Amino acid sequence: MELLLMTQDVIINAGTLPDSDPLAPPGIGEAWNRMVGVGKWIALGVCVLGLLVVGGKMAFDARRGETTEEISSVIKIVLAVSMVTGGASLITFISGA
């Protein structure tokens, strides 16, 4: 019971913590932004290549008269693109740059 009361006190008092702005360590802000930018560029390049591969497979399947089941792959790639761009934006925001 005592542990429950201590947990309740921690949760109630957590709202009174000061809210500070995100701040990158000195000298790492520009390098961090460059790393995030390069990572985003590489990830988006891989996504574009994935779309080309899936599109080519869809074209070959349509040419042979088979039904295409690559729609789920296209949806996964679109979700990956949104995760890459959203994640990079979130990381840049958190780093304070």
Protein backbone atom coordinates (compact mmCIF):
# COMPACT_ATOMS: atom_id res chain seq x y z
CA MET A 1 0.00 0.00 0.00
CA GLU A 2 2.86 2.33 0.82
CA LEU A 3 4.35 1.77 -2.63
CA LEU A 4 1.03 2.71 -4.21
CA LEU A 5 0.87 5.96 -2.21
CA MET A 6 4.46 6.81 -3.17
CA THR A 7 3.67 6.18 -6.84
CA GLN A 8 0.60 8.40 -6.59
CA ASP A 9 2.69 11.20 -5.07
CA VAL A 10 5.25 10.92 -7.88
CA ILE A 11 2.54 11.05 -10.54
CA ILE A 12 0.79 14.03 -8.96
CA ASN A 13 4.04 15.96 -8.46
CA ALA A 14 5.28 15.19 -11.97
CA GLY A 15 3.09 17.97 -13.36
CA THR A 16 5.03 20.57 -11.38
CA LEU A 17 8.38 19.85 -13.07
CA PRO A 18 9.81 22.78 -15.03
CA ASP A 19 9.53 22.57 -18.81
CA SER A 20 12.81 23.42 -20.48
CA ASP A 21 13.52 24.00 -24.15
CA PRO A 22 15.43 21.29 -26.00
CA LEU A 23 19.08 22.20 -26.29
CA ALA A 24 21.74 20.39 -28.28
CA PRO A 25 25.13 19.93 -26.62
CA PRO A 26 27.65 22.62 -27.61
CA GLY A 27 29.33 21.99 -30.94
CA ILE A 28 27.14 19.07 -31.97
CA GLY A 29 24.05 20.86 -33.33
CA GLU A 30 25.27 21.37 -36.91
CA ALA A 31 26.86 17.91 -37.12
CA TRP A 32 23.66 16.35 -35.76
CA ASN A 33 21.52 18.11 -38.37
CA ARG A 34 23.90 16.97 -41.10
CA MET A 35 23.70 13.33 -39.89
CA VAL A 36 19.90 13.46 -39.74
CA GLY A 37 19.76 15.01 -43.21
CA VAL A 38 22.07 12.39 -44.73
CA GLY A 39 20.15 9.58 -43.03
CA LYS A 40 16.85 10.98 -44.30
CA TRP A 41 18.24 11.29 -47.82
CA ILE A 42 19.48 7.68 -47.82
CA ALA A 43 16.22 6.33 -46.36
CA LEU A 44 14.10 8.21 -48.90
CA GLY A 45 16.35 6.93 -51.70
CA VAL A 46 15.78 3.37 -50.52
CA CYS A 47 12.02 4.03 -50.45
CA VAL A 48 12.09 5.31 -54.03
CA LEU A 49 14.02 2.23 -55.14
CA GLY A 50 11.44 0.08 -53.36
CA LEU A 51 8.63 1.80 -55.22
CA LEU A 52 10.42 1.21 -58.52
CA VAL A 53 10.89 -2.49 -57.76
CA VAL A 54 7.27 -2.96 -56.69
CA GLY A 55 6.04 -1.00 -59.72
CA GLY A 56 8.15 -3.14 -62.03
CA LYS A 57 6.81 -6.32 -60.46
CA MET A 58 3.27 -5.03 -60.87
CA ALA A 59 3.95 -4.30 -64.55
CA PHE A 60 5.34 -7.79 -65.17
CA ASP A 61 2.40 -9.40 -63.38
CA ALA A 62 -0.09 -7.33 -65.40
CA ARG A 63 1.69 -8.26 -68.63
CA ARG A 64 1.35 -11.96 -67.79
CA GLY A 65 -2.29 -11.48 -66.86
CA GLU A 66 -1.81 -12.32 -63.18
CA THR A 67 -3.48 -10.47 -60.37
CA THR A 68 -1.25 -8.14 -58.46
CA GLU A 69 -0.79 -8.54 -54.76
CA GLU A 70 1.75 -5.74 -54.41
CA ILE A 71 -0.74 -3.15 -53.15
CA SER A 72 0.20 -4.05 -49.57
CA SER A 73 3.85 -3.45 -50.48
CA VAL A 74 3.01 -0.01 -51.86
CA ILE A 75 1.11 0.83 -48.66
CA LYS A 76 4.10 -0.31 -46.57
CA ILE A 77 6.45 1.87 -48.60
CA VAL A 78 4.17 4.91 -48.26
CA LEU A 79 4.05 4.33 -44.50
CA ALA A 80 7.85 4.03 -44.46
CA VAL A 81 8.20 7.36 -46.27
CA SER A 82 5.90 9.05 -43.77
CA MET A 83 7.84 7.53 -40.87
CA VAL A 84 11.17 8.69 -42.30
CA THR A 85 10.05 12.26 -42.88
CA GLY A 86 8.11 12.47 -39.62
CA GLY A 87 10.93 10.91 -37.63
CA ALA A 88 13.55 13.21 -39.09
CA SER A 89 11.38 16.24 -38.34
CA LEU A 90 10.79 15.04 -34.80
CA ILE A 91 14.49 14.43 -34.18
CA THR A 92 15.37 17.86 -35.54
CA PHE A 93 12.74 19.46 -33.29
CA ILE A 94 13.94 17.59 -30.20
CA SER A 95 17.57 18.49 -30.82
CA GLY A 96 16.56 22.16 -30.81
CA ALA A 97 18.22 23.01 -34.07
